[in-house]
Amino acid sequence: MNTITPEIGSGEVFVAIWPTHAHDPMDAAIKFLTRAQGTHASFVRGNGMIVENFFPRVRQRNWNPREQDAVEIYRIQDTTPSDWRELEQWFDTELANPPPYSILDLLRYAFDLPPVKGPGCFCSQWVLRGIRECLADFQQPLRRLEYQDFAPPSQLRSSPRLILMSGTPTTKPLAPAPKC
């Protein structure tokens, strides 16, 4: 079994991305709509629990042992214990009044339409919102989005600001350019 990370319990907050989320019936739809690897994103709290926006709303849960081998865990580059504490406080606030999962925003992303205003969002949109609200500009994984926080897990996992700590990246390398 894949060890999530040796730092679990240290207080550090991580981003988790599922290249595929087999137990989720929306997985095939998300793969189809985004046309990419990466169908779910969440945070891993300092205590090792997952906090995520998963239909119908933001929730906290324990790991399912079957999913640990399939998830990629990323460290947010240049974050500090102070940053992790701020994110932890944000998680508690979000869990006290959990925003809903927005299937509408997921469809709007797929059809290149702007997001709906309001608290509803899909999983990676919620992760990006938390990072934006709690961390400095230089720590943001995706700063050049047309619409703030509006990106699928596959785009989030491509950020150079996220450092892969465990899991097996499934992105295939580009083929070499043909010789002329």
N, C-alpha and C. Protein backbone atom coordinates (compact mmCIF):
# COMPACT_ATOMS: atom_id res chain seq x y z
N MET A 1 0.85 -1.19 0.00
CA MET A 1 0.00 0.00 0.00
C MET A 1 0.88 1.25 0.00
N ASN A 2 0.48 2.25 -0.73
CA ASN A 2 1.19 3.50 -0.84
C ASN A 2 1.08 4.26 0.47
N THR A 3 2.22 4.69 1.03
CA THR A 3 2.18 5.55 2.20
C THR A 3 1.91 6.95 1.70
N ILE A 4 0.92 7.59 2.23
CA ILE A 4 0.52 8.90 1.71
C ILE A 4 1.67 9.88 1.81
N THR A 5 2.26 10.05 2.95
CA THR A 5 3.45 10.87 3.10
C THR A 5 3.98 10.71 4.51
N PRO A 6 5.30 10.78 4.69
CA PRO A 6 5.82 10.64 6.04
C PRO A 6 5.48 11.81 6.95
N GLU A 7 5.01 12.92 6.39
CA GLU A 7 4.73 14.11 7.19
C GLU A 7 3.31 14.17 7.74
N ILE A 8 2.49 13.14 7.47
CA ILE A 8 1.12 13.17 7.98
C ILE A 8 1.17 13.30 9.50
N GLY A 9 0.38 14.21 10.01
CA GLY A 9 0.37 14.46 11.45
C GLY A 9 1.29 15.59 11.85
N SER A 10 2.11 16.09 10.91
CA SER A 10 3.04 17.17 11.21
C SER A 10 2.35 18.53 11.18
N GLY A 11 1.11 18.56 10.69
CA GLY A 11 0.40 19.82 10.56
C GLY A 11 0.44 20.36 9.14
N GLU A 12 1.28 19.79 8.28
CA GLU A 12 1.37 20.29 6.91
C GLU A 12 0.11 19.92 6.12
N VAL A 13 -0.34 20.86 5.30
CA VAL A 13 -1.50 20.66 4.44
C VAL A 13 -1.02 20.32 3.04
N PHE A 14 -1.63 19.31 2.43
CA PHE A 14 -1.27 18.87 1.09
C PHE A 14 -2.48 18.97 0.17
N VAL A 15 -2.22 18.94 -1.13
CA VAL A 15 -3.28 18.84 -2.13
C VAL A 15 -3.24 17.40 -2.65
N ALA A 16 -4.40 16.77 -2.75
CA ALA A 16 -4.51 15.42 -3.29
C ALA A 16 -5.27 15.49 -4.61
N ILE A 17 -4.77 14.77 -5.61
CA ILE A 17 -5.44 14.73 -6.91
C ILE A 17 -5.57 13.27 -7.33
N TRP A 18 -6.77 12.90 -7.71
CA TRP A 18 -7.06 11.57 -8.19
C TRP A 18 -7.02 11.60 -9.72
N PRO A 19 -6.08 10.89 -10.34
CA PRO A 19 -6.10 10.81 -11.81
C PRO A 19 -7.40 10.18 -12.31
N THR A 20 -7.94 9.28 -11.53
CA THR A 20 -9.26 8.71 -11.77
C THR A 20 -9.87 8.47 -10.40
N HIS A 21 -11.16 8.56 -10.29
CA HIS A 21 -11.84 8.44 -8.99
C HIS A 21 -12.91 7.36 -9.14
N ALA A 22 -12.45 6.13 -9.17
CA ALA A 22 -13.29 5.00 -9.58
C ALA A 22 -14.58 4.84 -8.78
N HIS A 23 -14.58 5.18 -7.50
CA HIS A 23 -15.81 4.97 -6.72
C HIS A 23 -16.83 6.08 -6.94
N ASP A 24 -16.48 7.07 -7.73
CA ASP A 24 -17.37 8.20 -7.98
C ASP A 24 -18.09 8.01 -9.31
N PRO A 25 -19.41 7.96 -9.29
CA PRO A 25 -20.14 7.77 -10.56
C PRO A 25 -19.97 8.93 -11.53
N MET A 26 -19.52 10.08 -11.06
CA MET A 26 -19.31 11.22 -11.95
C MET A 26 -17.96 11.17 -12.66
N ASP A 27 -17.12 10.22 -12.29
CA ASP A 27 -15.75 10.14 -12.84
C ASP A 27 -15.75 10.13 -14.37
N ALA A 28 -16.54 9.27 -14.98
CA ALA A 28 -16.56 9.18 -16.45
C ALA A 28 -17.03 10.49 -17.07
N ALA A 29 -18.01 11.12 -16.46
CA ALA A 29 -18.50 12.41 -16.98
C ALA A 29 -17.41 13.48 -16.89
N ILE A 30 -16.70 13.52 -15.78
CA ILE A 30 -15.65 14.52 -15.60
C ILE A 30 -14.53 14.28 -16.60
N LYS A 31 -14.13 13.01 -16.78
CA LYS A 31 -13.10 12.69 -17.79
C LYS A 31 -13.56 13.14 -19.17
N PHE A 32 -14.82 12.88 -19.49
CA PHE A 32 -15.34 13.25 -20.80
C PHE A 32 -15.39 14.78 -20.96
N LEU A 33 -15.88 15.47 -19.95
CA LEU A 33 -16.04 16.92 -20.05
C LEU A 33 -14.72 17.68 -20.05
N THR A 34 -13.73 17.20 -19.30
CA THR A 34 -12.45 17.92 -19.23
C THR A 34 -11.42 17.35 -20.19
N ARG A 35 -11.68 16.15 -20.72
CA ARG A 35 -10.78 15.49 -21.68
C ARG A 35 -9.34 15.37 -21.17
N ALA A 36 -9.21 15.01 -19.90
CA ALA A 36 -7.87 14.95 -19.31
C ALA A 36 -7.83 14.01 -18.12
N GLN A 37 -6.61 13.69 -17.69
CA GLN A 37 -6.41 12.90 -16.47
C GLN A 37 -6.53 13.83 -15.28
N GLY A 38 -7.26 13.41 -14.30
CA GLY A 38 -7.46 14.21 -13.10
C GLY A 38 -8.94 14.47 -12.93
N THR A 39 -9.59 13.69 -12.06
CA THR A 39 -11.04 13.81 -11.93
C THR A 39 -11.50 14.28 -10.55
N HIS A 40 -10.58 14.43 -9.61
CA HIS A 40 -10.98 14.91 -8.29
C HIS A 40 -9.78 15.54 -7.60
N ALA A 41 -10.04 16.60 -6.83
CA ALA A 41 -9.00 17.28 -6.06
C ALA A 41 -9.54 17.56 -4.66
N SER A 42 -8.64 17.50 -3.69
CA SER A 42 -9.02 17.80 -2.30
C SER A 42 -7.78 18.29 -1.57
N PHE A 43 -7.98 18.60 -0.30
CA PHE A 43 -6.86 18.87 0.60
C PHE A 43 -6.70 17.66 1.51
N VAL A 44 -5.48 17.45 1.99
CA VAL A 44 -5.23 16.51 3.07
C VAL A 44 -4.83 17.37 4.26
N ARG A 45 -5.65 17.29 5.31
CA ARG A 45 -5.41 18.11 6.50
C ARG A 45 -4.14 17.64 7.22
N GLY A 46 -3.67 18.47 8.12
CA GLY A 46 -2.49 18.13 8.92
C GLY A 46 -2.66 16.88 9.74
N ASN A 47 -3.92 16.49 10.05
CA ASN A 47 -4.17 15.26 10.81
C ASN A 47 -4.34 14.05 9.90
N GLY A 48 -4.21 14.26 8.58
CA GLY A 48 -4.31 13.16 7.63
C GLY A 48 -5.69 12.94 7.03
N MET A 49 -6.70 13.66 7.51
CA MET A 49 -8.05 13.49 6.95
C MET A 49 -8.19 14.28 5.65
N ILE A 50 -9.10 13.81 4.82
CA ILE A 50 -9.40 14.49 3.55
C ILE A 50 -10.51 15.51 3.80
N VAL A 51 -10.34 16.70 3.24
CA VAL A 51 -11.40 17.69 3.23
C VAL A 51 -11.59 18.07 1.77
N GLU A 52 -12.84 17.96 1.30
CA GLU A 52 -13.09 18.04 -0.15
C GLU A 52 -14.47 18.60 -0.43
N ASN A 53 -14.62 19.10 -1.66
CA ASN A 53 -15.96 19.42 -2.14
C ASN A 53 -16.36 18.26 -3.05
N PHE A 54 -17.26 17.46 -2.55
CA PHE A 54 -17.71 16.24 -3.21
C PHE A 54 -19.23 16.24 -3.12
N PHE A 55 -19.90 16.00 -4.22
CA PHE A 55 -21.36 16.11 -4.24
C PHE A 55 -21.99 15.44 -3.02
N PRO A 56 -22.83 16.12 -2.27
CA PRO A 56 -23.50 17.37 -2.59
C PRO A 56 -22.86 18.62 -2.00
N ARG A 57 -21.82 18.48 -1.11
CA ARG A 57 -21.23 19.67 -0.48
C ARG A 57 -19.86 19.35 0.09
N VAL A 58 -19.19 20.39 0.60
CA VAL A 58 -17.88 20.21 1.24
C VAL A 58 -18.05 19.29 2.45
N ARG A 59 -17.09 18.39 2.60
CA ARG A 59 -17.14 17.43 3.70
C ARG A 59 -15.71 17.06 4.12
N GLN A 60 -15.62 16.41 5.26
CA GLN A 60 -14.36 15.85 5.75
C GLN A 60 -14.56 14.36 5.93
N ARG A 61 -13.52 13.58 5.60
CA ARG A 61 -13.66 12.13 5.72
C ARG A 61 -12.29 11.48 5.90
N ASN A 62 -12.32 10.20 6.27
CA ASN A 62 -11.11 9.39 6.34
C ASN A 62 -10.79 8.83 4.96
N TRP A 63 -9.58 8.36 4.80
CA TRP A 63 -9.16 7.71 3.55
C TRP A 63 -9.87 6.38 3.38
N ASN A 64 -10.23 6.07 2.18
CA ASN A 64 -10.68 4.74 1.80
C ASN A 64 -9.40 3.98 1.45
N PRO A 65 -9.10 2.86 2.10
CA PRO A 65 -7.83 2.17 1.83
C PRO A 65 -7.59 1.84 0.35
N ARG A 66 -8.64 1.61 -0.41
CA ARG A 66 -8.47 1.29 -1.83
C ARG A 66 -8.01 2.48 -2.66
N GLU A 67 -8.28 3.70 -2.20
CA GLU A 67 -7.94 4.86 -3.01
C GLU A 67 -6.51 5.34 -2.79
N GLN A 68 -5.86 4.92 -1.72
CA GLN A 68 -4.54 5.45 -1.41
C GLN A 68 -3.49 5.12 -2.46
N ASP A 69 -3.62 4.00 -3.15
CA ASP A 69 -2.66 3.65 -4.18
C ASP A 69 -2.86 4.44 -5.47
N ALA A 70 -4.00 5.08 -5.60
CA ALA A 70 -4.33 5.75 -6.86
C ALA A 70 -4.24 7.27 -6.78
N VAL A 71 -3.97 7.82 -5.62
CA VAL A 71 -3.98 9.27 -5.45
C VAL A 71 -2.56 9.85 -5.54
N GLU A 72 -2.49 11.06 -6.03
CA GLU A 72 -1.22 11.80 -6.05
C GLU A 72 -1.29 12.87 -4.97
N ILE A 73 -0.26 12.95 -4.14
CA ILE A 73 -0.20 13.93 -3.05
C ILE A 73 0.85 14.98 -3.41
N TYR A 74 0.46 16.24 -3.32
CA TYR A 74 1.33 17.35 -3.69
C TYR A 74 1.54 18.29 -2.51
N ARG A 75 2.78 18.71 -2.34
CA ARG A 75 3.12 19.77 -1.38
C ARG A 75 2.98 21.09 -2.12
N ILE A 76 2.42 22.09 -1.46
CA ILE A 76 2.32 23.43 -2.05
C ILE A 76 3.66 24.12 -1.78
N GLN A 77 4.37 24.43 -2.83
CA GLN A 77 5.72 24.98 -2.71
C GLN A 77 5.73 26.26 -1.87
N ASP A 78 6.75 26.36 -1.03
CA ASP A 78 7.01 27.56 -0.21
C ASP A 78 5.94 27.86 0.83
N THR A 79 5.20 26.85 1.29
CA THR A 79 4.24 27.08 2.37
C THR A 79 4.92 26.82 3.71
N THR A 80 4.40 27.46 4.73
CA THR A 80 4.97 27.41 6.08
C THR A 80 3.93 26.91 7.07
N PRO A 81 4.36 26.60 8.29
CA PRO A 81 3.38 26.22 9.33
C PRO A 81 2.30 27.29 9.54
N SER A 82 2.64 28.54 9.40
CA SER A 82 1.64 29.61 9.53
C SER A 82 0.59 29.50 8.41
N ASP A 83 1.04 29.20 7.19
CA ASP A 83 0.11 29.00 6.07
C ASP A 83 -0.81 27.82 6.34
N TRP A 84 -0.25 26.72 6.84
CA TRP A 84 -1.05 25.52 7.11
C TRP A 84 -2.11 25.80 8.16
N ARG A 85 -1.74 26.58 9.20
CA ARG A 85 -2.72 26.94 10.24
C ARG A 85 -3.85 27.77 9.64
N GLU A 86 -3.51 28.70 8.75
CA GLU A 86 -4.55 29.52 8.11
C GLU A 86 -5.48 28.65 7.26
N LEU A 87 -4.91 27.71 6.51
CA LEU A 87 -5.74 26.79 5.73
C LEU A 87 -6.62 25.95 6.65
N GLU A 88 -6.07 25.45 7.75
CA GLU A 88 -6.86 24.64 8.70
C GLU A 88 -8.04 25.44 9.24
N GLN A 89 -7.83 26.71 9.55
CA GLN A 89 -8.93 27.55 10.04
C GLN A 89 -9.99 27.72 8.94
N TRP A 90 -9.52 27.90 7.70
CA TRP A 90 -10.45 28.04 6.57
C TRP A 90 -11.28 26.76 6.41
N PHE A 91 -10.63 25.58 6.54
CA PHE A 91 -11.36 24.31 6.45
C PHE A 91 -12.49 24.27 7.49
N ASP A 92 -12.16 24.64 8.73
CA ASP A 92 -13.16 24.60 9.80
C ASP A 92 -14.33 25.53 9.48
N THR A 93 -14.04 26.71 8.96
CA THR A 93 -15.09 27.66 8.58
C THR A 93 -15.94 27.09 7.46
N GLU A 94 -15.31 26.50 6.45
CA GLU A 94 -16.05 25.91 5.32
C GLU A 94 -16.91 24.73 5.77
N LEU A 95 -16.38 23.92 6.68
CA LEU A 95 -17.14 22.76 7.16
C LEU A 95 -18.33 23.18 8.02
N ALA A 96 -18.22 24.33 8.70
CA ALA A 96 -19.32 24.82 9.52
C ALA A 96 -20.48 25.31 8.66
N ASN A 97 -20.19 25.80 7.47
CA ASN A 97 -21.21 26.27 6.53
C ASN A 97 -20.80 25.81 5.14
N PRO A 98 -20.93 24.51 4.85
CA PRO A 98 -20.33 23.94 3.63
C PRO A 98 -20.97 24.42 2.33
N PRO A 99 -20.13 24.96 1.43
CA PRO A 99 -20.67 25.33 0.12
C PRO A 99 -21.06 24.08 -0.66
N PRO A 100 -22.06 24.22 -1.54
CA PRO A 100 -22.50 23.07 -2.32
C PRO A 100 -21.56 22.77 -3.48
N TYR A 101 -21.59 21.52 -3.92
CA TYR A 101 -20.90 21.12 -5.14
C TYR A 101 -21.72 21.65 -6.31
N SER A 102 -21.05 22.25 -7.30
CA SER A 102 -21.78 22.83 -8.42
C SER A 102 -21.56 22.02 -9.70
N ILE A 103 -22.53 21.20 -10.03
CA ILE A 103 -22.49 20.49 -11.32
C ILE A 103 -22.63 21.50 -12.45
N LEU A 104 -23.40 22.55 -12.21
CA LEU A 104 -23.58 23.60 -13.22
C LEU A 104 -22.24 24.24 -13.60
N ASP A 105 -21.39 24.56 -12.60
CA ASP A 105 -20.08 25.14 -12.91
C ASP A 105 -19.21 24.15 -13.68
N LEU A 106 -19.29 22.88 -13.35
CA LEU A 106 -18.52 21.88 -14.07
C LEU A 106 -18.94 21.86 -15.55
N LEU A 107 -20.23 21.89 -15.80
CA LEU A 107 -20.72 21.95 -17.18
C LEU A 107 -20.32 23.26 -17.86
N ARG A 108 -20.39 24.35 -17.13
CA ARG A 108 -20.01 25.64 -17.71
C ARG A 108 -18.53 25.64 -18.08
N TYR A 109 -17.69 25.01 -17.25
CA TYR A 109 -16.27 24.90 -17.59
C TYR A 109 -16.11 24.10 -18.89
N ALA A 110 -16.80 22.99 -18.97
CA ALA A 110 -16.68 22.10 -20.14
C ALA A 110 -17.11 22.79 -21.43
N PHE A 111 -18.07 23.71 -21.33
CA PHE A 111 -18.56 24.39 -22.52
C PHE A 111 -18.01 25.81 -22.66
N ASP A 112 -16.90 26.07 -21.93
CA ASP A 112 -16.18 27.34 -22.05
C ASP A 112 -17.05 28.55 -21.74
N LEU A 113 -17.84 28.43 -20.68
CA LEU A 113 -18.68 29.53 -20.22
C LEU A 113 -18.18 29.98 -18.85
N PRO A 114 -18.39 31.22 -18.48
CA PRO A 114 -17.90 31.69 -17.17
C PRO A 114 -18.64 31.01 -16.02
N PRO A 115 -18.00 30.96 -14.84
CA PRO A 115 -18.65 30.33 -13.69
C PRO A 115 -19.85 31.15 -13.20
N VAL A 116 -20.70 30.47 -12.46
CA VAL A 116 -21.84 31.11 -11.82
C VAL A 116 -21.33 31.79 -10.55
N LYS A 117 -21.80 32.98 -10.28
CA LYS A 117 -21.40 33.67 -9.03
C LYS A 117 -22.07 32.98 -7.85
N GLY A 118 -21.36 32.93 -6.73
CA GLY A 118 -21.92 32.34 -5.53
C GLY A 118 -20.97 31.33 -4.91
N PRO A 119 -21.39 30.73 -3.81
CA PRO A 119 -20.50 29.83 -3.07
C PRO A 119 -20.31 28.46 -3.71
N GLY A 120 -21.25 28.02 -4.54
CA GLY A 120 -21.16 26.69 -5.15
C GLY A 120 -19.94 26.59 -6.06
N CYS A 121 -19.34 25.41 -6.11
CA CYS A 121 -18.16 25.19 -6.95
C CYS A 121 -17.91 23.69 -7.07
N PHE A 122 -17.03 23.31 -7.99
CA PHE A 122 -16.63 21.91 -8.09
C PHE A 122 -15.33 21.73 -7.32
N CYS A 123 -14.84 20.51 -7.22
CA CYS A 123 -13.76 20.16 -6.29
C CYS A 123 -12.50 21.00 -6.43
N SER A 124 -11.91 21.07 -7.63
CA SER A 124 -10.66 21.81 -7.79
C SER A 124 -10.88 23.31 -7.70
N GLN A 125 -12.06 23.76 -8.05
CA GLN A 125 -12.41 25.17 -7.90
C GLN A 125 -12.37 25.53 -6.41
N TRP A 126 -12.86 24.63 -5.56
CA TRP A 126 -12.85 24.85 -4.12
C TRP A 126 -11.42 24.82 -3.58
N VAL A 127 -10.59 23.90 -4.07
CA VAL A 127 -9.18 23.84 -3.64
C VAL A 127 -8.47 25.15 -4.01
N LEU A 128 -8.66 25.60 -5.24
CA LEU A 128 -8.02 26.85 -5.67
C LEU A 128 -8.54 28.05 -4.87
N ARG A 129 -9.82 28.04 -4.53
CA ARG A 129 -10.39 29.11 -3.70
C ARG A 129 -9.71 29.16 -2.34
N GLY A 130 -9.53 27.99 -1.73
CA GLY A 130 -8.86 27.95 -0.42
C GLY A 130 -7.43 28.45 -0.48
N ILE A 131 -6.71 28.04 -1.51
CA ILE A 131 -5.32 28.49 -1.66
C ILE A 131 -5.30 30.00 -1.89
N ARG A 132 -6.19 30.50 -2.74
CA ARG A 132 -6.22 31.95 -3.03
C ARG A 132 -6.55 32.75 -1.78
N GLU A 133 -7.52 32.27 -0.99
CA GLU A 133 -7.94 33.02 0.19
C GLU A 133 -6.94 32.96 1.34
N CYS A 134 -6.09 31.94 1.36
CA CYS A 134 -5.22 31.74 2.52
C CYS A 134 -3.73 31.97 2.25
N LEU A 135 -3.31 31.90 1.02
CA LEU A 135 -1.89 31.97 0.73
C LEU A 135 -1.56 33.22 -0.10
N ALA A 136 -0.29 33.59 -0.10
CA ALA A 136 0.19 34.77 -0.82
C ALA A 136 0.15 34.54 -2.33
N ASP A 137 0.19 35.63 -3.07
CA ASP A 137 0.17 35.55 -4.54
C ASP A 137 1.26 34.64 -5.09
N PHE A 138 2.48 34.73 -4.56
CA PHE A 138 3.57 33.93 -5.11
C PHE A 138 3.39 32.43 -4.85
N GLN A 139 2.46 32.05 -3.99
CA GLN A 139 2.20 30.65 -3.68
C GLN A 139 1.07 30.05 -4.51
N GLN A 140 0.41 30.86 -5.30
CA GLN A 140 -0.75 30.40 -6.07
C GLN A 140 -0.31 29.45 -7.18
N PRO A 141 -0.95 28.29 -7.29
CA PRO A 141 -0.55 27.32 -8.32
C PRO A 141 -0.95 27.72 -9.74
N LEU A 142 -2.06 28.41 -9.90
CA LEU A 142 -2.54 28.80 -11.23
C LEU A 142 -2.94 30.27 -11.18
N ARG A 143 -2.02 31.17 -11.51
CA ARG A 143 -2.28 32.60 -11.38
C ARG A 143 -2.90 33.22 -12.62
N ARG A 144 -2.83 32.56 -13.75
CA ARG A 144 -3.25 33.18 -15.00
C ARG A 144 -4.57 32.64 -15.55
N LEU A 145 -5.45 32.28 -14.68
CA LEU A 145 -6.74 31.75 -15.11
C LEU A 145 -7.63 32.89 -15.61
N GLU A 146 -8.38 32.62 -16.66
CA GLU A 146 -9.30 33.63 -17.17
C GLU A 146 -10.35 33.98 -16.11
N TYR A 147 -10.88 32.96 -15.43
CA TYR A 147 -11.84 33.16 -14.35
C TYR A 147 -11.21 32.60 -13.07
N GLN A 148 -11.19 33.43 -12.04
CA GLN A 148 -10.55 33.07 -10.78
C GLN A 148 -11.02 31.70 -10.27
N ASP A 149 -10.07 30.83 -9.93
CA ASP A 149 -10.31 29.52 -9.32
C ASP A 149 -11.01 28.52 -10.25
N PHE A 150 -11.12 28.83 -11.52
CA PHE A 150 -11.94 28.03 -12.43
C PHE A 150 -11.04 27.14 -13.28
N ALA A 151 -10.68 25.97 -12.73
CA ALA A 151 -9.81 25.02 -13.42
C ALA A 151 -10.10 23.61 -12.92
N PRO A 152 -10.00 22.61 -13.81
CA PRO A 152 -10.24 21.23 -13.40
C PRO A 152 -9.01 20.65 -12.69
N PRO A 153 -9.18 19.50 -12.03
CA PRO A 153 -8.04 18.86 -11.36
C PRO A 153 -6.86 18.61 -12.30
N SER A 154 -7.14 18.28 -13.55
CA SER A 154 -6.04 18.01 -14.49
C SER A 154 -5.16 19.23 -14.70
N GLN A 155 -5.75 20.41 -14.70
CA GLN A 155 -4.95 21.63 -14.86
C GLN A 155 -4.22 21.96 -13.57
N LEU A 156 -4.85 21.73 -12.45
CA LEU A 156 -4.21 21.98 -11.15
C LEU A 156 -2.97 21.11 -10.99
N ARG A 157 -3.06 19.85 -11.39
CA ARG A 157 -1.92 18.93 -11.21
C ARG A 157 -0.75 19.25 -12.11
N SER A 158 -0.93 20.12 -13.09
CA SER A 158 0.16 20.49 -13.99
C SER A 158 0.97 21.69 -13.47
N SER A 159 0.57 22.26 -12.35
CA SER A 159 1.23 23.45 -11.82
C SER A 159 2.64 23.14 -11.31
N PRO A 160 3.63 23.96 -11.68
CA PRO A 160 4.97 23.77 -11.12
C PRO A 160 5.05 24.16 -9.64
N ARG A 161 4.02 24.81 -9.10
CA ARG A 161 3.99 25.19 -7.68
C ARG A 161 3.58 24.02 -6.79
N LEU A 162 3.09 22.94 -7.39
CA LEU A 162 2.73 21.74 -6.63
C LEU A 162 3.81 20.70 -6.85
N ILE A 163 4.38 20.20 -5.76
CA ILE A 163 5.49 19.25 -5.82
C ILE A 163 4.96 17.87 -5.46
N LEU A 164 5.08 16.94 -6.39
CA LEU A 164 4.59 15.57 -6.16
C LEU A 164 5.38 14.92 -5.03
N MET A 165 4.65 14.46 -4.01
CA MET A 165 5.27 13.83 -2.84
C MET A 165 5.10 12.32 -2.86
N SER A 166 3.96 11.85 -3.34
CA SER A 166 3.71 10.41 -3.43
C SER A 166 2.65 10.16 -4.47
N GLY A 167 2.60 8.93 -4.90
CA GLY A 167 1.68 8.57 -5.98
C GLY A 167 2.46 8.45 -7.27
N THR A 168 1.81 7.96 -8.26
CA THR A 168 2.45 7.77 -9.55
C THR A 168 1.81 8.69 -10.55
N PRO A 169 2.55 9.69 -11.03
CA PRO A 169 1.93 10.57 -12.02
C PRO A 169 1.61 9.77 -13.28
N THR A 170 0.46 10.03 -13.85
CA THR A 170 0.02 9.25 -15.00
C THR A 170 0.05 10.06 -16.29
N THR A 171 0.57 11.26 -16.23
CA THR A 171 0.67 12.08 -17.44
C THR A 171 1.75 11.48 -18.32
N LYS A 172 1.43 11.21 -19.54
CA LYS A 172 2.40 10.62 -20.46
C LYS A 172 3.28 11.72 -21.01
N PRO A 173 4.61 11.46 -21.15
CA PRO A 173 5.48 12.48 -21.71
C PRO A 173 5.11 12.74 -23.18
N LEU A 174 5.40 13.96 -23.63
CA LEU A 174 5.15 14.29 -25.01
C LEU A 174 6.07 13.50 -25.92
N ALA A 175 5.57 13.13 -27.06
CA ALA A 175 6.40 12.43 -28.04
C ALA A 175 7.42 13.42 -28.62
N PRO A 176 8.62 12.93 -28.96
CA PRO A 176 9.61 13.85 -29.54
C PRO A 176 9.09 14.42 -30.86
N ALA A 177 9.51 15.63 -31.15
CA ALA A 177 9.10 16.27 -32.41
C ALA A 177 9.69 15.51 -33.59
N PRO A 178 8.94 15.40 -34.67
CA PRO A 178 9.46 14.69 -35.85
C PRO A 178 10.63 15.46 -36.46
N LYS A 179 11.59 14.71 -36.98
CA LYS A 179 12.74 15.35 -37.63
C LYS A 179 12.33 15.78 -39.03
N CYS A 180 12.74 16.96 -39.41
CA CYS A 180 12.40 17.48 -40.74
C CYS A 180 13.43 17.06 -41.76
